[in-house]
PDB file of all heavy atoms in Angstrom:
ATOM      1  N   ALA A   1     -28.269  10.438  -8.733  1.00  0.00           N
ATOM      2  CA  ALA A   1     -27.873  10.639  -7.346  1.00  0.00           C
ATOM      3  C   ALA A   1     -27.006  11.889  -7.243  1.00  0.00           C
ATOM      4  O   ALA A   1     -26.177  12.151  -8.105  1.00  0.00           O
ATOM      5  CB  ALA A   1     -27.102   9.426  -6.837  1.00  0.00           C
ATOM      6  N   THR A   2     -27.198  12.673  -6.202  1.00  0.00           N
ATOM      7  CA  THR A   2     -26.421  13.882  -5.979  1.00  0.00           C
ATOM      8  C   THR A   2     -25.202  13.557  -5.129  1.00  0.00           C
ATOM      9  O   THR A   2     -25.339  13.220  -3.950  1.00  0.00           O
ATOM     10  CB  THR A   2     -27.272  14.959  -5.284  1.00  0.00           C
ATOM     11  OG1 THR A   2     -28.383  15.293  -6.124  1.00  0.00           O
ATOM     12  CG2 THR A   2     -26.453  16.207  -5.022  1.00  0.00           C
ATOM     13  N   PRO A   3     -23.972  13.621  -5.702  1.00  0.00           N
ATOM     14  CA  PRO A   3     -22.775  13.224  -4.950  1.00  0.00           C
ATOM     15  C   PRO A   3     -22.227  14.371  -4.113  1.00  0.00           C
ATOM     16  O   PRO A   3     -21.730  15.356  -4.642  1.00  0.00           O
ATOM     17  CB  PRO A   3     -21.787  12.851  -6.061  1.00  0.00           C
ATOM     18  CG  PRO A   3     -22.175  13.743  -7.203  1.00  0.00           C
ATOM     19  CD  PRO A   3     -23.665  13.996  -7.086  1.00  0.00           C
ATOM     20  N   PHE A   4     -22.315  14.244  -2.824  1.00  0.00           N
ATOM     21  CA  PHE A   4     -21.742  15.257  -1.949  1.00  0.00           C
ATOM     22  C   PHE A   4     -20.324  14.910  -1.516  1.00  0.00           C
ATOM     23  O   PHE A   4     -19.685  15.641  -0.798  1.00  0.00           O
ATOM     24  CB  PHE A   4     -22.626  15.462  -0.721  1.00  0.00           C
ATOM     25  CG  PHE A   4     -23.892  16.209  -1.040  1.00  0.00           C
ATOM     26  CD1 PHE A   4     -25.089  15.835  -0.481  1.00  0.00           C
ATOM     27  CD2 PHE A   4     -23.879  17.276  -1.923  1.00  0.00           C
ATOM     28  CE1 PHE A   4     -26.254  16.513  -0.773  1.00  0.00           C
ATOM     29  CE2 PHE A   4     -25.048  17.956  -2.228  1.00  0.00           C
ATOM     30  CZ  PHE A   4     -26.240  17.579  -1.645  1.00  0.00           C
ATOM     31  N   LEU A   5     -19.824  13.769  -1.920  1.00  0.00           N
ATOM     32  CA  LEU A   5     -18.413  13.442  -1.760  1.00  0.00           C
ATOM     33  C   LEU A   5     -17.946  12.833  -3.068  1.00  0.00           C
ATOM     34  O   LEU A   5     -18.319  11.716  -3.412  1.00  0.00           O
ATOM     35  CB  LEU A   5     -18.199  12.460  -0.593  1.00  0.00           C
ATOM     36  CG  LEU A   5     -16.747  12.133  -0.235  1.00  0.00           C
ATOM     37  CD1 LEU A   5     -16.049  13.389   0.267  1.00  0.00           C
ATOM     38  CD2 LEU A   5     -16.676  11.055   0.841  1.00  0.00           C
ATOM     39  N   VAL A   6     -17.188  13.598  -3.845  1.00  0.00           N
ATOM     40  CA  VAL A   6     -16.827  13.172  -5.182  1.00  0.00           C
ATOM     41  C   VAL A   6     -15.532  12.396  -5.179  1.00  0.00           C
ATOM     42  O   VAL A   6     -14.747  12.454  -4.228  1.00  0.00           O
ATOM     43  CB  VAL A   6     -16.733  14.375  -6.144  1.00  0.00           C
ATOM     44  CG1 VAL A   6     -18.071  14.998  -6.317  1.00  0.00           C
ATOM     45  CG2 VAL A   6     -15.724  15.372  -5.676  1.00  0.00           C
ATOM     46  N   ARG A   7     -15.299  11.673  -6.265  1.00  0.00           N
ATOM     47  CA  ARG A   7     -14.157  10.778  -6.343  1.00  0.00           C
ATOM     48  C   ARG A   7     -12.826  11.493  -6.304  1.00  0.00           C
ATOM     49  O   ARG A   7     -11.804  10.913  -5.950  1.00  0.00           O
ATOM     50  CB  ARG A   7     -14.268   9.950  -7.620  1.00  0.00           C
ATOM     51  CG  ARG A   7     -15.446   8.985  -7.601  1.00  0.00           C
ATOM     52  CD  ARG A   7     -15.573   8.251  -8.926  1.00  0.00           C
ATOM     53  NE  ARG A   7     -16.724   7.365  -8.928  1.00  0.00           N
ATOM     54  CZ  ARG A   7     -17.152   6.709  -9.991  1.00  0.00           C
ATOM     55  NH1 ARG A   7     -16.520   6.847 -11.123  1.00  0.00           N
ATOM     56  NH2 ARG A   7     -18.208   5.927  -9.922  1.00  0.00           N
ATOM     57  N   SER A   8     -12.815  12.758  -6.688  1.00  0.00           N
ATOM     58  CA  SER A   8     -11.565  13.506  -6.666  1.00  0.00           C
ATOM     59  C   SER A   8     -11.131  13.841  -5.252  1.00  0.00           C
ATOM     60  O   SER A   8     -10.125  14.512  -5.058  1.00  0.00           O
ATOM     61  CB  SER A   8     -11.716  14.792  -7.475  1.00  0.00           C
ATOM     62  OG  SER A   8     -12.731  15.610  -6.919  1.00  0.00           O
ATOM     63  N   ALA A   9     -11.886  13.373  -4.276  1.00  0.00           N
ATOM     64  CA  ALA A   9     -11.592  13.583  -2.856  1.00  0.00           C
ATOM     65  C   ALA A   9     -11.841  15.007  -2.399  1.00  0.00           C
ATOM     66  O   ALA A   9     -11.468  15.384  -1.297  1.00  0.00           O
ATOM     67  CB  ALA A   9     -10.163  13.182  -2.511  1.00  0.00           C
ATOM     68  N   LYS A  10     -12.477  15.816  -3.253  1.00  0.00           N
ATOM     69  CA  LYS A  10     -12.899  17.138  -2.802  1.00  0.00           C
ATOM     70  C   LYS A  10     -14.165  16.964  -1.984  1.00  0.00           C
ATOM     71  O   LYS A  10     -15.191  16.550  -2.479  1.00  0.00           O
ATOM     72  CB  LYS A  10     -13.151  18.068  -3.978  1.00  0.00           C
ATOM     73  CG  LYS A  10     -11.946  18.339  -4.850  1.00  0.00           C
ATOM     74  CD  LYS A  10     -12.311  19.338  -5.907  1.00  0.00           C
ATOM     75  CE  LYS A  10     -11.157  19.600  -6.837  1.00  0.00           C
ATOM     76  NZ  LYS A  10     -11.025  18.569  -7.807  1.00  0.00           N
ATOM     77  N   SER A  11     -14.121  17.311  -0.748  1.00  0.00           N
ATOM     78  CA  SER A  11     -15.258  17.084   0.125  1.00  0.00           C
ATOM     79  C   SER A  11     -16.356  18.106  -0.136  1.00  0.00           C
ATOM     80  O   SER A  11     -16.109  19.301  -0.166  1.00  0.00           O
ATOM     81  CB  SER A  11     -14.832  17.145   1.587  1.00  0.00           C
ATOM     82  OG  SER A  11     -15.967  17.012   2.433  1.00  0.00           O
ATOM     83  N   LEU A  12     -17.545  17.615  -0.362  1.00  0.00           N
ATOM     84  CA  LEU A  12     -18.711  18.470  -0.492  1.00  0.00           C
ATOM     85  C   LEU A  12     -19.680  18.263   0.658  1.00  0.00           C
ATOM     86  O   LEU A  12     -20.831  18.653   0.587  1.00  0.00           O
ATOM     87  CB  LEU A  12     -19.429  18.186  -1.817  1.00  0.00           C
ATOM     88  CG  LEU A  12     -18.700  18.614  -3.082  1.00  0.00           C
ATOM     89  CD1 LEU A  12     -19.501  18.243  -4.305  1.00  0.00           C
ATOM     90  CD2 LEU A  12     -18.453  20.094  -3.074  1.00  0.00           C
ATOM     91  N   VAL A  13     -19.208  17.608   1.707  1.00  0.00           N
ATOM     92  CA  VAL A  13     -20.061  17.359   2.856  1.00  0.00           C
ATOM     93  C   VAL A  13     -20.202  18.656   3.640  1.00  0.00           C
ATOM     94  O   VAL A  13     -19.287  19.101   4.312  1.00  0.00           O
ATOM     95  CB  VAL A  13     -19.499  16.237   3.744  1.00  0.00           C
ATOM     96  CG1 VAL A  13     -20.390  16.025   4.951  1.00  0.00           C
ATOM     97  CG2 VAL A  13     -19.382  14.944   2.953  1.00  0.00           C
ATOM     98  N   LYS A  14     -21.312  19.300   3.499  1.00  0.00           N
ATOM     99  CA  LYS A  14     -21.579  20.567   4.150  1.00  0.00           C
ATOM    100  C   LYS A  14     -22.824  20.444   5.006  1.00  0.00           C
ATOM    101  O   LYS A  14     -23.576  19.470   4.918  1.00  0.00           O
ATOM    102  CB  LYS A  14     -21.790  21.680   3.103  1.00  0.00           C
ATOM    103  CG  LYS A  14     -20.647  21.859   2.119  1.00  0.00           C
ATOM    104  CD  LYS A  14     -19.471  22.541   2.748  1.00  0.00           C
ATOM    105  CE  LYS A  14     -18.371  22.780   1.731  1.00  0.00           C
ATOM    106  NZ  LYS A  14     -17.175  23.424   2.343  1.00  0.00           N
ATOM    107  N   ASN A  15     -23.003  21.442   5.836  1.00  0.00           N
ATOM    108  CA  ASN A  15     -24.236  21.517   6.611  1.00  0.00           C
ATOM    109  C   ASN A  15     -25.289  22.217   5.755  1.00  0.00           C
ATOM    110  O   ASN A  15     -25.622  23.376   5.939  1.00  0.00           O
ATOM    111  CB  ASN A  15     -23.995  22.287   7.914  1.00  0.00           C
ATOM    112  CG  ASN A  15     -25.254  22.381   8.777  1.00  0.00           C
ATOM    113  OD1 ASN A  15     -26.124  21.508   8.714  1.00  0.00           O
ATOM    114  ND2 ASN A  15     -25.354  23.441   9.567  1.00  0.00           N
ATOM    115  N   TRP A  16     -25.799  21.456   4.770  1.00  0.00           N
ATOM    116  CA  TRP A  16     -26.782  22.044   3.866  1.00  0.00           C
ATOM    117  C   TRP A  16     -28.058  22.327   4.624  1.00  0.00           C
ATOM    118  O   TRP A  16     -28.629  21.442   5.257  1.00  0.00           O
ATOM    119  CB  TRP A  16     -27.076  21.100   2.694  1.00  0.00           C
ATOM    120  CG  TRP A  16     -25.864  20.703   1.902  1.00  0.00           C
ATOM    121  CD1 TRP A  16     -25.328  19.453   1.803  1.00  0.00           C
ATOM    122  CD2 TRP A  16     -25.034  21.546   1.105  1.00  0.00           C
ATOM    123  NE1 TRP A  16     -24.228  19.458   0.990  1.00  0.00           N
ATOM    124  CE2 TRP A  16     -24.016  20.747   0.543  1.00  0.00           C
ATOM    125  CE3 TRP A  16     -25.042  22.901   0.806  1.00  0.00           C
ATOM    126  CZ2 TRP A  16     -23.036  21.246  -0.294  1.00  0.00           C
ATOM    127  CZ3 TRP A  16     -24.055  23.402  -0.034  1.00  0.00           C
ATOM    128  CH2 TRP A  16     -23.075  22.590  -0.568  1.00  0.00           C
ATOM    129  N   VAL A  17     -28.527  23.567   4.582  1.00  0.00           N
ATOM    130  CA  VAL A  17     -29.684  23.961   5.384  1.00  0.00           C
ATOM    131  C   VAL A  17     -30.920  24.243   4.550  1.00  0.00           C
ATOM    132  O   VAL A  17     -32.018  24.381   5.083  1.00  0.00           O
ATOM    133  CB  VAL A  17     -29.364  25.199   6.258  1.00  0.00           C
ATOM    134  CG1 VAL A  17     -28.210  24.909   7.195  1.00  0.00           C
ATOM    135  CG2 VAL A  17     -29.054  26.416   5.392  1.00  0.00           C
ATOM    136  N   GLN A  18     -30.759  24.329   3.225  1.00  0.00           N
ATOM    137  CA  GLN A  18     -31.892  24.701   2.390  1.00  0.00           C
ATOM    138  C   GLN A  18     -31.656  24.225   0.965  1.00  0.00           C
ATOM    139  O   GLN A  18     -30.525  24.199   0.478  1.00  0.00           O
ATOM    140  CB  GLN A  18     -32.086  26.225   2.409  1.00  0.00           C
ATOM    141  CG  GLN A  18     -33.369  26.728   1.747  1.00  0.00           C
ATOM    142  CD  GLN A  18     -33.601  28.211   2.029  1.00  0.00           C
ATOM    143  OE1 GLN A  18     -33.519  28.645   3.174  1.00  0.00           O
ATOM    144  NE2 GLN A  18     -33.881  28.977   0.992  1.00  0.00           N
ATOM    145  N   VAL A  19     -32.733  23.811   0.301  1.00  0.00           N
ATOM    146  CA  VAL A  19     -32.689  23.434  -1.106  1.00  0.00           C
ATOM    147  C   VAL A  19     -33.630  24.366  -1.867  1.00  0.00           C
ATOM    148  O   VAL A  19     -34.821  24.435  -1.560  1.00  0.00           O
ATOM    149  CB  VAL A  19     -33.107  21.971  -1.332  1.00  0.00           C
ATOM    150  CG1 VAL A  19     -33.007  21.628  -2.815  1.00  0.00           C
ATOM    151  CG2 VAL A  19     -32.253  21.021  -0.512  1.00  0.00           C
ATOM    152  N   ASN A  20     -33.099  25.105  -2.834  1.00  0.00           N
ATOM    153  CA  ASN A  20     -33.881  26.043  -3.621  1.00  0.00           C
ATOM    154  C   ASN A  20     -34.074  25.517  -5.042  1.00  0.00           C
ATOM    155  O   ASN A  20     -33.194  24.853  -5.593  1.00  0.00           O
ATOM    156  CB  ASN A  20     -33.190  27.409  -3.691  1.00  0.00           C
ATOM    157  CG  ASN A  20     -32.916  27.979  -2.317  1.00  0.00           C
ATOM    158  OD1 ASN A  20     -33.763  27.938  -1.436  1.00  0.00           O
ATOM    159  ND2 ASN A  20     -31.727  28.518  -2.129  1.00  0.00           N
ATOM    160  N   THR A  21     -35.204  25.826  -5.630  1.00  0.00           N
ATOM    161  CA  THR A  21     -35.495  25.434  -6.999  1.00  0.00           C
ATOM    162  C   THR A  21     -35.958  26.658  -7.783  1.00  0.00           C
ATOM    163  O   THR A  21     -36.828  27.392  -7.334  1.00  0.00           O
ATOM    164  CB  THR A  21     -36.588  24.350  -7.057  1.00  0.00           C
ATOM    165  OG1 THR A  21     -36.181  23.208  -6.297  1.00  0.00           O
ATOM    166  CG2 THR A  21     -36.840  23.920  -8.499  1.00  0.00           C
ATOM    167  N   SER A  22     -35.354  26.884  -8.949  1.00  0.00           N
ATOM    168  CA  SER A  22     -35.775  27.983  -9.814  1.00  0.00           C
ATOM    169  C   SER A  22     -36.148  27.439 -11.184  1.00  0.00           C
ATOM    170  O   SER A  22     -35.538  26.485 -11.677  1.00  0.00           O
ATOM    171  CB  SER A  22     -34.674  29.042  -9.955  1.00  0.00           C
ATOM    172  OG  SER A  22     -33.608  28.578 -10.762  1.00  0.00           O
ATOM    173  N   VAL A  23     -37.150  28.030 -11.799  1.00  0.00           N
ATOM    174  CA  VAL A  23     -37.595  27.683 -13.148  1.00  0.00           C
ATOM    175  C   VAL A  23     -37.507  28.940 -14.008  1.00  0.00           C
ATOM    176  O   VAL A  23     -38.074  29.974 -13.656  1.00  0.00           O
ATOM    177  CB  VAL A  23     -39.032  27.132 -13.149  1.00  0.00           C
ATOM    178  CG1 VAL A  23     -39.450  26.768 -14.578  1.00  0.00           C
ATOM    179  CG2 VAL A  23     -39.162  25.925 -12.233  1.00  0.00           C
ATOM    180  N   SER A  24     -36.793  28.854 -15.114  1.00  0.00           N
ATOM    181  CA  SER A  24     -36.697  29.962 -16.065  1.00  0.00           C
ATOM    182  C   SER A  24     -37.455  29.572 -17.328  1.00  0.00           C
ATOM    183  O   SER A  24     -37.070  28.641 -18.033  1.00  0.00           O
ATOM    184  CB  SER A  24     -35.234  30.270 -16.395  1.00  0.00           C
ATOM    185  OG  SER A  24     -34.525  30.656 -15.228  1.00  0.00           O
ATOM    186  N   PHE A  25     -38.532  30.283 -17.613  1.00  0.00           N
ATOM    187  CA  PHE A  25     -39.409  29.902 -18.712  1.00  0.00           C
ATOM    188  C   PHE A  25     -38.779  30.135 -20.085  1.00  0.00           C
ATOM    189  O   PHE A  25     -39.058  29.409 -21.031  1.00  0.00           O
ATOM    190  CB  PHE A  25     -40.737  30.666 -18.627  1.00  0.00           C
ATOM    191  CG  PHE A  25     -41.523  30.393 -17.375  1.00  0.00           C
ATOM    192  CD1 PHE A  25     -41.863  31.417 -16.515  1.00  0.00           C
ATOM    193  CD2 PHE A  25     -41.917  29.102 -17.064  1.00  0.00           C
ATOM    194  CE1 PHE A  25     -42.582  31.173 -15.372  1.00  0.00           C
ATOM    195  CE2 PHE A  25     -42.643  28.837 -15.906  1.00  0.00           C
ATOM    196  CZ  PHE A  25     -42.972  29.871 -15.057  1.00  0.00           C
ATOM    197  N   GLU A  26     -37.950  31.152 -20.195  1.00  0.00           N
ATOM    198  CA  GLU A  26     -37.438  31.532 -21.509  1.00  0.00           C
ATOM    199  C   GLU A  26     -35.952  31.254 -21.629  1.00  0.00           C
ATOM    200  O   GLU A  26     -35.207  31.322 -20.652  1.00  0.00           O
ATOM    201  CB  GLU A  26     -37.709  33.019 -21.772  1.00  0.00           C
ATOM    202  CG  GLU A  26     -39.186  33.380 -21.838  1.00  0.00           C
ATOM    203  CD  GLU A  26     -39.411  34.821 -22.247  1.00  0.00           C
ATOM    204  OE1 GLU A  26     -38.735  35.286 -23.180  1.00  0.00           O
ATOM    205  OE2 GLU A  26     -40.255  35.482 -21.612  1.00  0.00           O
TER     206      GLU A  26
END
């Protein structure tokens, strides 16, 4: 699971607008 609100109380709740994926072969 991807935690966007972590236990340390640092808020990661953002208006995420895009998810990018990169693959590095080497």
